[in-house]
Amino acid sequence: MTDGGLPPGLWLIGLGPGDLGLMTSDAIEHARACEYRFLEGYTATLPEDQEGRLEGLVGNWKRAMRPMVEEPNELLSLARESSVALLVVGDPMQATTHVDLEAHCAEQGVDFSIIPGLSATSLAISLSGLQSYRFGRQVTLPFAYGEYLPTSPLEMIDANYTNNLHTLVLLDLDPTGMGVKQPKPMQPKQAIEILQAMVEKLVENEGGGRESMATPIANWDAILLSDLGTPDQRVASGDLLDIGEITGGRIHCLILPAKFVGLERDAYERRRYQA
């Protein structure tokens, strides 16, 4: 396969979770072969050093932020006549944004292809030491926007806990919610503060009584997973009070466990954070 060797269409190409060394050979070949390359920069991001490597690996590229992807007229116009790669950190179809992009292509008769990549969400579950079949619905924890703070993420966490299922919590990347500027990912301390605010709001509105909130939030078990798939990867367990004190790292997610079974408690303790 050579540069420009692909037929017209839009190619969603997974880069893997952060280190381009984890990008598949198939993804590299197809990215090189596309006539145009765009790096999607708001659902997930590459570390700066990996962005610097990307051009040498696949060729020149431009950044595509939220407006360009959610209103994809420019992308689809190019893809009608040329091969276009949208390079996505992680696995492309993990985000509903990209499923919607597939729908746009189908409506407008533009060929659409997917090259999968290793997902940070898969890594998070496997590296946690918890059993993958015991995870419930995945949750994104958003920043508060002005006075608006939704409690639905906490309600989903509670529903999982009530069903004795662990929750993977993805931390928001963009405090503006616009997806236009370079993201400023949520840090662990911010996440704990937002969870506490959600608990207070939900208890105030409903009067409490939820099983997962019988224990003060500071004492909830948690696992913090940072910069997965990079040399700076870190996995640390502890209660939320300890997790909130961890600094450093770029992109984080949390796992809020339900009741441990089998070997899970031992795995959790082996990952215990040491200050």
C-alpha atoms as a PDB file:
ATOM      1  CA  MET A   1       0.000   0.000   0.000  1.00  0.00           C
ATOM      2  CA  THR A   2       1.439   3.387  -0.949  1.00  0.00           C
ATOM      3  CA  ASP A   3       0.569   7.003  -0.115  1.00  0.00           C
ATOM      4  CA  GLY A   4      -2.698   7.924  -1.807  1.00  0.00           C
ATOM      5  CA  GLY A   5      -3.379   4.250  -2.521  1.00  0.00           C
ATOM      6  CA  LEU A   6      -6.859   4.102  -0.987  1.00  0.00           C
ATOM      7  CA  PRO A   7     -10.175   4.797  -2.716  1.00  0.00           C
ATOM      8  CA  PRO A   8     -12.226   7.860  -1.709  1.00  0.00           C
ATOM      9  CA  GLY A   9     -13.924   7.634   1.649  1.00  0.00           C
ATOM     10  CA  LEU A  10     -13.563   8.391   5.347  1.00  0.00           C
ATOM     11  CA  TRP A  11     -11.316   6.165   7.414  1.00  0.00           C
ATOM     12  CA  LEU A  12     -11.599   6.221  11.213  1.00  0.00           C
ATOM     13  CA  ILE A  13      -8.224   5.026  12.428  1.00  0.00           C
ATOM     14  CA  GLY A  14      -7.477   4.123  16.047  1.00  0.00           C
ATOM     15  CA  LEU A  15      -4.112   5.271  17.369  1.00  0.00           C
ATOM     16  CA  GLY A  16      -4.230   3.302  20.607  1.00  0.00           C
ATOM     17  CA  PRO A  17      -4.375   4.857  24.077  1.00  0.00           C
ATOM     18  CA  GLY A  18      -1.413   7.227  24.049  1.00  0.00           C
ATOM     19  CA  ASP A  19       1.904   5.676  23.044  1.00  0.00           C
ATOM     20  CA  LEU A  20       2.146   5.377  19.257  1.00  0.00           C
ATOM     21  CA  GLY A  21       4.183   2.231  19.782  1.00  0.00           C
ATOM     22  CA  LEU A  22       0.821   0.580  20.493  1.00  0.00           C
ATOM     23  CA  MET A  23      -0.615   1.637  17.127  1.00  0.00           C
ATOM     24  CA  THR A  24      -1.211  -1.396  14.895  1.00  0.00           C
ATOM     25  CA  SER A  25       0.712  -1.881  11.654  1.00  0.00           C
ATOM     26  CA  ASP A  26      -2.636  -1.918   9.828  1.00  0.00           C
ATOM     27  CA  ALA A  27      -3.503   1.499  11.280  1.00  0.00           C
ATOM     28  CA  ILE A  28      -0.117   2.929  10.284  1.00  0.00           C
ATOM     29  CA  GLU A  29      -0.396   1.604   6.735  1.00  0.00           C
ATOM     30  CA  HIS A  30      -3.876   2.984   6.188  1.00  0.00           C
ATOM     31  CA  ALA A  31      -3.051   6.368   7.727  1.00  0.00           C
ATOM     32  CA  ARG A  32      -0.025   6.696   5.450  1.00  0.00           C
ATOM     33  CA  ALA A  33      -2.080   5.717   2.427  1.00  0.00           C
ATOM     34  CA  CYS A  34      -4.758   8.384   2.942  1.00  0.00           C
ATOM     35  CA  GLU A  35      -4.437  11.641   1.034  1.00  0.00           C
ATOM     36  CA  TYR A  36      -5.644  13.760   3.979  1.00  0.00           C
ATOM     37  CA  ARG A  37      -5.127  13.165   7.709  1.00  0.00           C
ATOM     38  CA  PHE A  38      -6.875  14.844  10.648  1.00  0.00           C
ATOM     39  CA  LEU A  39      -6.141  14.198  14.324  1.00  0.00           C
ATOM     40  CA  GLU A  40      -9.386  14.322  16.329  1.00  0.00           C
ATOM     41  CA  GLY A  41      -8.495  16.389  19.378  1.00  0.00           C
ATOM     42  CA  TYR A  42     -11.389  16.581  21.786  1.00  0.00           C
ATOM     43  CA  THR A  43     -12.750  13.132  22.739  1.00  0.00           C
ATOM     44  CA  ALA A  44      -9.188  12.109  23.693  1.00  0.00           C
ATOM     45  CA  THR A  45      -5.697  13.503  23.217  1.00  0.00           C
ATOM     46  CA  LEU A  46      -2.141  12.369  22.566  1.00  0.00           C
ATOM     47  CA  PRO A  47       0.725  13.392  24.838  1.00  0.00           C
ATOM     48  CA  GLU A  48       2.782  16.212  23.321  1.00  0.00           C
ATOM     49  CA  ASP A  49       5.793  14.007  22.628  1.00  0.00           C
ATOM     50  CA  GLN A  50       3.589  11.533  20.722  1.00  0.00           C
ATOM     51  CA  GLU A  51       2.011  14.306  18.669  1.00  0.00           C
ATOM     52  CA  GLY A  52       5.560  15.221  17.662  1.00  0.00           C
ATOM     53  CA  ARG A  53       6.125  11.650  16.475  1.00  0.00           C
ATOM     54  CA  LEU A  54       2.908  11.348  14.520  1.00  0.00           C
ATOM     55  CA  GLU A  55       3.956  13.154  11.345  1.00  0.00           C
ATOM     56  CA  GLY A  56       7.111  11.069  11.000  1.00  0.00           C
ATOM     57  CA  LEU A  57       5.026   7.919  11.429  1.00  0.00           C
ATOM     58  CA  VAL A  58       2.071   8.570   9.100  1.00  0.00           C
ATOM     59  CA  GLY A  59       2.651  11.886   7.297  1.00  0.00           C
ATOM     60  CA  ASN A  60       1.428  15.458   7.791  1.00  0.00           C
ATOM     61  CA  TRP A  61      -1.857  16.072   9.569  1.00  0.00           C
ATOM     62  CA  LYS A  62      -4.197  18.799  10.790  1.00  0.00           C
ATOM     63  CA  ARG A  63      -6.175  18.957  14.015  1.00  0.00           C
ATOM     64  CA  ALA A  64      -9.956  18.450  13.982  1.00  0.00           C
ATOM     65  CA  MET A  65     -11.893  19.734  16.975  1.00  0.00           C
ATOM     66  CA  ARG A  66     -15.546  19.256  17.920  1.00  0.00           C
ATOM     67  CA  PRO A  67     -17.210  21.588  15.373  1.00  0.00           C
ATOM     68  CA  MET A  68     -15.413  19.942  12.453  1.00  0.00           C
ATOM     69  CA  VAL A  69     -16.392  16.428  13.562  1.00  0.00           C
ATOM     70  CA  GLU A  70     -19.976  17.091  14.670  1.00  0.00           C
ATOM     71  CA  GLU A  71     -20.696  19.282  11.621  1.00  0.00           C
ATOM     72  CA  PRO A  72     -18.597  17.233   9.181  1.00  0.00           C
ATOM     73  CA  ASN A  73     -19.320  19.026   5.900  1.00  0.00           C
ATOM     74  CA  GLU A  74     -15.637  19.688   5.211  1.00  0.00           C
ATOM     75  CA  LEU A  75     -14.604  16.122   6.047  1.00  0.00           C
ATOM     76  CA  LEU A  76     -17.339  14.568   3.921  1.00  0.00           C
ATOM     77  CA  SER A  77     -16.723  16.917   1.008  1.00  0.00           C
ATOM     78  CA  LEU A  78     -13.089  15.811   0.937  1.00  0.00           C
ATOM     79  CA  ALA A  79     -14.024  12.153   1.426  1.00  0.00           C
ATOM     80  CA  ARG A  80     -16.279  12.124  -1.640  1.00  0.00           C
ATOM     81  CA  GLU A  81     -13.240  12.670  -3.866  1.00  0.00           C
ATOM     82  CA  SER A  82     -10.262  11.561  -1.750  1.00  0.00           C
ATOM     83  CA  SER A  83      -9.203   9.174   0.987  1.00  0.00           C
ATOM     84  CA  VAL A  84      -9.466  10.948   4.359  1.00  0.00           C
ATOM     85  CA  ALA A  85      -8.171   9.637   7.695  1.00  0.00           C
ATOM     86  CA  LEU A  86      -9.647  10.794  10.978  1.00  0.00           C
ATOM     87  CA  LEU A  87      -7.055   9.698  13.521  1.00  0.00           C
ATOM     88  CA  VAL A  88      -8.636   8.949  16.904  1.00  0.00           C
ATOM     89  CA  VAL A  89      -6.822   8.275  20.170  1.00  0.00           C
ATOM     90  CA  GLY A  90      -7.911   4.896  21.501  1.00  0.00           C
ATOM     91  CA  ASP A  91     -10.570   2.879  19.677  1.00  0.00           C
ATOM     92  CA  PRO A  92     -12.606   5.055  17.268  1.00  0.00           C
ATOM     93  CA  MET A  93     -16.098   3.722  17.885  1.00  0.00           C
ATOM     94  CA  GLN A  94     -15.999   4.052  21.682  1.00  0.00           C
ATOM     95  CA  ALA A  95     -17.400   7.604  21.338  1.00  0.00           C
ATOM     96  CA  THR A  96     -20.980   8.301  20.234  1.00  0.00           C
ATOM     97  CA  THR A  97     -19.560  11.243  18.266  1.00  0.00           C
ATOM     98  CA  HIS A  98     -17.946   8.807  15.855  1.00  0.00           C
ATOM     99  CA  VAL A  99     -21.024   6.586  15.613  1.00  0.00           C
ATOM    100  CA  ASP A 100     -22.897   9.744  14.594  1.00  0.00           C
ATOM    101  CA  LEU A 101     -20.203  10.456  12.003  1.00  0.00           C
ATOM    102  CA  GLU A 102     -20.819   7.009  10.503  1.00  0.00           C
ATOM    103  CA  ALA A 103     -24.509   7.914  10.232  1.00  0.00           C
ATOM    104  CA  HIS A 104     -23.650  11.132   8.364  1.00  0.00           C
ATOM    105  CA  CYS A 105     -21.565   9.130   5.904  1.00  0.00           C
ATOM    106  CA  ALA A 106     -24.374   6.620   5.354  1.00  0.00           C
ATOM    107  CA  GLU A 107     -26.892   9.418   4.727  1.00  0.00           C
ATOM    108  CA  GLN A 108     -24.631  11.131   2.198  1.00  0.00           C
ATOM    109  CA  GLY A 109     -23.308   8.045   0.412  1.00  0.00           C
ATOM    110  CA  VAL A 110     -19.702   8.456   1.585  1.00  0.00           C
ATOM    111  CA  ASP A 111     -17.718   5.246   2.102  1.00  0.00           C
ATOM    112  CA  PHE A 112     -16.848   4.713   5.768  1.00  0.00           C
ATOM    113  CA  SER A 113     -14.219   2.322   7.154  1.00  0.00           C
ATOM    114  CA  ILE A 114     -12.861   1.583  10.631  1.00  0.00           C
ATOM    115  CA  ILE A 115      -9.387   0.504  11.728  1.00  0.00           C
ATOM    116  CA  PRO A 116      -9.677  -0.397  15.437  1.00  0.00           C
ATOM    117  CA  GLY A 117      -7.199   0.624  18.101  1.00  0.00           C
ATOM    118  CA  LEU A 118      -6.446  -0.487  21.643  1.00  0.00           C
ATOM    119  CA  SER A 119      -8.835   1.286  24.017  1.00  0.00           C
ATOM    120  CA  ALA A 120      -7.895   2.869  27.348  1.00  0.00           C
ATOM    121  CA  THR A 121     -11.217   1.621  28.734  1.00  0.00           C
ATOM    122  CA  SER A 122     -10.196  -1.973  28.048  1.00  0.00           C
ATOM    123  CA  LEU A 123      -6.801  -1.315  29.601  1.00  0.00           C
ATOM    124  CA  ALA A 124      -8.391   0.234  32.689  1.00  0.00           C
ATOM    125  CA  ILE A 125     -10.498  -2.829  33.405  1.00  0.00           C
ATOM    126  CA  SER A 126      -7.691  -5.323  32.822  1.00  0.00           C
ATOM    127  CA  LEU A 127      -5.122  -3.340  34.839  1.00  0.00           C
ATOM    128  CA  SER A 128      -7.496  -2.864  37.779  1.00  0.00           C
ATOM    129  CA  GLY A 129      -7.274  -6.547  38.718  1.00  0.00           C
ATOM    130  CA  LEU A 130     -11.071  -6.694  38.981  1.00  0.00           C
ATOM    131  CA  GLN A 131     -13.174  -9.181  37.044  1.00  0.00           C
ATOM    132  CA  SER A 132     -14.284  -7.762  33.696  1.00  0.00           C
ATOM    133  CA  TYR A 133     -17.714  -9.441  33.798  1.00  0.00           C
ATOM    134  CA  ARG A 134     -18.550  -7.547  37.013  1.00  0.00           C
ATOM    135  CA  PHE A 135     -18.583  -4.078  35.455  1.00  0.00           C
ATOM    136  CA  GLY A 136     -21.811  -2.213  34.891  1.00  0.00           C
ATOM    137  CA  ARG A 137     -22.561   0.792  32.749  1.00  0.00           C
ATOM    138  CA  GLN A 138     -19.615   3.108  32.061  1.00  0.00           C
ATOM    139  CA  VAL A 139     -20.002   6.707  33.281  1.00  0.00           C
ATOM    140  CA  THR A 140     -18.471  10.047  32.277  1.00  0.00           C
ATOM    141  CA  LEU A 141     -17.998  12.558  35.081  1.00  0.00           C
ATOM    142  CA  PRO A 142     -18.513  16.063  33.640  1.00  0.00           C
ATOM    143  CA  PHE A 143     -17.326  19.423  34.855  1.00  0.00           C
ATOM    144  CA  ALA A 144     -19.994  21.692  36.312  1.00  0.00           C
ATOM    145  CA  TYR A 145     -21.032  24.390  33.847  1.00  0.00           C
ATOM    146  CA  GLY A 146     -21.933  27.503  35.798  1.00  0.00           C
ATOM    147  CA  GLU A 147     -24.695  26.539  38.222  1.00  0.00           C
ATOM    148  CA  TYR A 148     -25.544  23.367  36.305  1.00  0.00           C
ATOM    149  CA  LEU A 149     -24.374  20.118  37.885  1.00  0.00           C
ATOM    150  CA  PRO A 150     -26.134  16.944  36.691  1.00  0.00           C
ATOM    151  CA  THR A 151     -26.595  14.102  39.163  1.00  0.00           C
ATOM    152  CA  SER A 152     -27.268  11.432  36.514  1.00  0.00           C
ATOM    153  CA  PRO A 153     -23.638  10.140  36.583  1.00  0.00           C
ATOM    154  CA  LEU A 154     -23.937   9.538  40.324  1.00  0.00           C
ATOM    155  CA  GLU A 155     -27.309   7.849  39.858  1.00  0.00           C
ATOM    156  CA  MET A 156     -25.725   5.447  37.335  1.00  0.00           C
ATOM    157  CA  ILE A 157     -22.881   4.725  39.773  1.00  0.00           C
ATOM    158  CA  ASP A 158     -25.471   4.019  42.471  1.00  0.00           C
ATOM    159  CA  ALA A 159     -27.467   1.736  40.141  1.00  0.00           C
ATOM    160  CA  ASN A 160     -24.332  -0.268  39.376  1.00  0.00           C
ATOM    161  CA  TYR A 161     -23.456  -0.507  43.072  1.00  0.00           C
ATOM    162  CA  THR A 162     -26.973  -1.630  43.971  1.00  0.00           C
ATOM    163  CA  ASN A 163     -26.587  -4.433  41.404  1.00  0.00           C
ATOM    164  CA  ASN A 164     -23.133  -5.275  42.851  1.00  0.00           C
ATOM    165  CA  LEU A 165     -21.343  -4.071  39.720  1.00  0.00           C
ATOM    166  CA  HIS A 166     -18.160  -2.010  39.477  1.00  0.00           C
ATOM    167  CA  THR A 167     -18.203   1.349  37.656  1.00  0.00           C
ATOM    168  CA  LEU A 168     -15.581   2.718  35.294  1.00  0.00           C
ATOM    169  CA  VAL A 169     -15.731   6.523  35.534  1.00  0.00           C
ATOM    170  CA  LEU A 170     -14.153   8.533  32.712  1.00  0.00           C
ATOM    171  CA  LEU A 171     -13.106  12.043  33.750  1.00  0.00           C
ATOM    172  CA  ASP A 172     -14.097  14.946  31.503  1.00  0.00           C
ATOM    173  CA  LEU A 173     -11.417  16.555  29.352  1.00  0.00           C
ATOM    174  CA  ASP A 174     -12.867  19.985  28.660  1.00  0.00           C
ATOM    175  CA  PRO A 175     -14.071  22.378  31.376  1.00  0.00           C
ATOM    176  CA  THR A 176     -15.652  24.627  28.714  1.00  0.00           C
ATOM    177  CA  GLY A 177     -17.796  21.853  27.219  1.00  0.00           C
ATOM    178  CA  MET A 178     -17.235  23.363  23.762  1.00  0.00           C
ATOM    179  CA  GLY A 179     -14.561  21.045  22.367  1.00  0.00           C
ATOM    180  CA  VAL A 180     -12.809  23.910  20.577  1.00  0.00           C
ATOM    181  CA  LYS A 181      -9.681  24.665  22.607  1.00  0.00           C
ATOM    182  CA  GLN A 182      -6.966  22.244  23.700  1.00  0.00           C
ATOM    183  CA  PRO A 183      -8.502  20.154  26.516  1.00  0.00           C
ATOM    184  CA  LYS A 184      -7.568  20.590  30.185  1.00  0.00           C
ATOM    185  CA  PRO A 185      -8.384  17.165  31.653  1.00  0.00           C
ATOM    186  CA  MET A 186     -10.057  16.838  35.042  1.00  0.00           C
ATOM    187  CA  GLN A 187      -7.658  16.010  37.870  1.00  0.00           C
ATOM    188  CA  PRO A 188      -8.375  13.507  40.686  1.00  0.00           C
ATOM    189  CA  LYS A 189      -9.003  16.179  43.334  1.00  0.00           C
ATOM    190  CA  GLN A 190     -11.502  17.936  41.040  1.00  0.00           C
ATOM    191  CA  ALA A 191     -13.272  14.627  40.407  1.00  0.00           C
ATOM    192  CA  ILE A 192     -13.702  13.949  44.129  1.00  0.00           C
ATOM    193  CA  GLU A 193     -15.043  17.477  44.698  1.00  0.00           C
ATOM    194  CA  ILE A 194     -17.554  17.054  41.859  1.00  0.00           C
ATOM    195  CA  LEU A 195     -18.690  13.658  43.184  1.00  0.00           C
ATOM    196  CA  GLN A 196     -19.142  15.167  46.661  1.00  0.00           C
ATOM    197  CA  ALA A 197     -21.207  18.025  45.218  1.00  0.00           C
ATOM    198  CA  MET A 198     -23.371  15.499  43.335  1.00  0.00           C
ATOM    199  CA  VAL A 199     -23.932  13.472  46.522  1.00  0.00           C
ATOM    200  CA  GLU A 200     -24.987  16.582  48.437  1.00  0.00           C
ATOM    201  CA  LYS A 201     -27.338  17.678  45.665  1.00  0.00           C
ATOM    202  CA  LEU A 202     -28.914  14.231  45.283  1.00  0.00           C
ATOM    203  CA  VAL A 203     -29.363  13.737  49.023  1.00  0.00           C
ATOM    204  CA  GLU A 204     -30.889  17.213  49.327  1.00  0.00           C
ATOM    205  CA  ASN A 205     -33.315  16.513  46.474  1.00  0.00           C
ATOM    206  CA  GLU A 206     -34.268  12.976  47.486  1.00  0.00           C
ATOM    207  CA  GLY A 207     -33.566  12.781  51.195  1.00  0.00           C
ATOM    208  CA  GLY A 208     -30.896  10.061  50.911  1.00  0.00           C
ATOM    209  CA  GLY A 209     -31.601   6.374  51.326  1.00  0.00           C
ATOM    210  CA  ARG A 210     -29.353   5.181  48.507  1.00  0.00           C
ATOM    211  CA  GLU A 211     -27.228   2.142  49.330  1.00  0.00           C
ATOM    212  CA  SER A 212     -23.975   3.457  47.828  1.00  0.00           C
ATOM    213  CA  MET A 213     -24.223   6.644  49.916  1.00  0.00           C
ATOM    214  CA  ALA A 214     -24.498   4.952  53.298  1.00  0.00           C
ATOM    215  CA  THR A 215     -20.705   5.334  53.541  1.00  0.00           C
ATOM    216  CA  PRO A 216     -19.229   8.877  53.495  1.00  0.00           C
ATOM    217  CA  ILE A 217     -17.743   9.606  50.078  1.00  0.00           C
ATOM    218  CA  ALA A 218     -14.240  10.095  51.504  1.00  0.00           C
ATOM    219  CA  ASN A 219     -14.275   6.424  52.530  1.00  0.00           C
ATOM    220  CA  TRP A 220     -15.427   4.986  49.200  1.00  0.00           C
ATOM    221  CA  ASP A 221     -13.014   2.454  47.708  1.00  0.00           C
ATOM    222  CA  ALA A 222     -11.549   3.597  44.409  1.00  0.00           C
ATOM    223  CA  ILE A 223      -8.876   2.863  41.837  1.00  0.00           C
ATOM    224  CA  LEU A 224      -7.207   5.719  39.973  1.00  0.00           C
ATOM    225  CA  LEU A 225      -5.759   4.905  36.547  1.00  0.00           C
ATOM    226  CA  SER A 226      -3.608   7.571  34.920  1.00  0.00           C
ATOM    227  CA  ASP A 227      -2.000   7.967  31.492  1.00  0.00           C
ATOM    228  CA  LEU A 228      -2.861   4.435  30.404  1.00  0.00           C
ATOM    229  CA  GLY A 229      -0.853   3.017  27.540  1.00  0.00           C
ATOM    230  CA  THR A 230       2.053   5.428  28.060  1.00  0.00           C
ATOM    231  CA  PRO A 231       5.405   5.130  29.884  1.00  0.00           C
ATOM    232  CA  ASP A 232       3.877   7.282  32.670  1.00  0.00           C
ATOM    233  CA  GLN A 233       1.040   4.828  33.319  1.00  0.00           C
ATOM    234  CA  ARG A 234       0.015   4.564  36.990  1.00  0.00           C
ATOM    235  CA  VAL A 235      -2.580   2.492  38.841  1.00  0.00           C
ATOM    236  CA  ALA A 236      -3.310   3.308  42.491  1.00  0.00           C
ATOM    237  CA  SER A 237      -6.048   2.107  44.843  1.00  0.00           C
ATOM    238  CA  GLY A 238      -7.300   3.589  48.084  1.00  0.00           C
ATOM    239  CA  ASP A 239     -10.245   5.458  49.515  1.00  0.00           C
ATOM    240  CA  LEU A 240     -11.341   8.615  47.733  1.00  0.00           C
ATOM    241  CA  LEU A 241      -9.735  10.804  50.396  1.00  0.00           C
ATOM    242  CA  ASP A 242      -6.326   9.344  49.503  1.00  0.00           C
ATOM    243  CA  ILE A 243      -7.016   9.276  45.753  1.00  0.00           C
ATOM    244  CA  GLY A 244      -7.881  12.981  45.826  1.00  0.00           C
ATOM    245  CA  GLU A 245      -4.401  13.783  47.113  1.00  0.00           C
ATOM    246  CA  ILE A 246      -2.599  12.166  44.164  1.00  0.00           C
ATOM    247  CA  THR A 247      -1.034  14.732  41.872  1.00  0.00           C
ATOM    248  CA  GLY A 248       0.679  14.569  38.500  1.00  0.00           C
ATOM    249  CA  GLY A 249      -0.380  12.752  35.391  1.00  0.00           C
ATOM    250  CA  ARG A 250      -2.282  13.978  32.382  1.00  0.00           C
ATOM    251  CA  ILE A 251      -5.470  11.971  31.748  1.00  0.00           C
ATOM    252  CA  HIS A 252      -7.201   9.977  34.471  1.00  0.00           C
ATOM    253  CA  CYS A 253     -10.130   7.658  35.044  1.00  0.00           C
ATOM    254  CA  LEU A 254     -11.573   6.089  38.182  1.00  0.00           C
ATOM    255  CA  ILE A 255     -13.008   2.722  39.050  1.00  0.00           C
ATOM    256  CA  LEU A 256     -15.532   2.685  41.889  1.00  0.00           C
ATOM    257  CA  PRO A 257     -15.820  -0.952  42.979  1.00  0.00           C
ATOM    258  CA  ALA A 258     -18.869  -2.730  44.285  1.00  0.00           C
ATOM    259  CA  LYS A 259     -18.368  -5.498  46.846  1.00  0.00           C
ATOM    260  CA  PHE A 260     -15.226  -7.510  46.116  1.00  0.00           C
ATOM    261  CA  VAL A 261     -15.445 -11.220  45.315  1.00  0.00           C
ATOM    262  CA  GLY A 262     -12.833 -13.952  44.929  1.00  0.00           C
ATOM    263  CA  LEU A 263      -9.343 -12.538  44.405  1.00  0.00           C
ATOM    264  CA  GLU A 264     -10.478  -8.962  43.816  1.00  0.00           C
ATOM    265  CA  ARG A 265      -9.746  -7.683  47.329  1.00  0.00           C
ATOM    266  CA  ASP A 266      -6.162  -8.982  47.152  1.00  0.00           C
ATOM    267  CA  ALA A 267      -5.659  -7.352  43.743  1.00  0.00           C
ATOM    268  CA  TYR A 268      -7.043  -4.086  45.122  1.00  0.00           C
ATOM    269  CA  GLU A 269      -4.685  -4.148  48.106  1.00  0.00           C
ATOM    270  CA  ARG A 270      -1.640  -4.835  45.890  1.00  0.00           C
ATOM    271  CA  ARG A 271      -2.372  -1.560  44.094  1.00  0.00           C
ATOM    272  CA  ARG A 272      -2.730   0.427  47.337  1.00  0.00           C
ATOM    273  CA  TYR A 273      -1.440   4.001  47.062  1.00  0.00           C
ATOM    274  CA  GLN A 274       1.576   4.806  49.188  1.00  0.00           C
ATOM    275  CA  ALA A 275       2.036   8.536  49.804  1.00  0.00           C
END
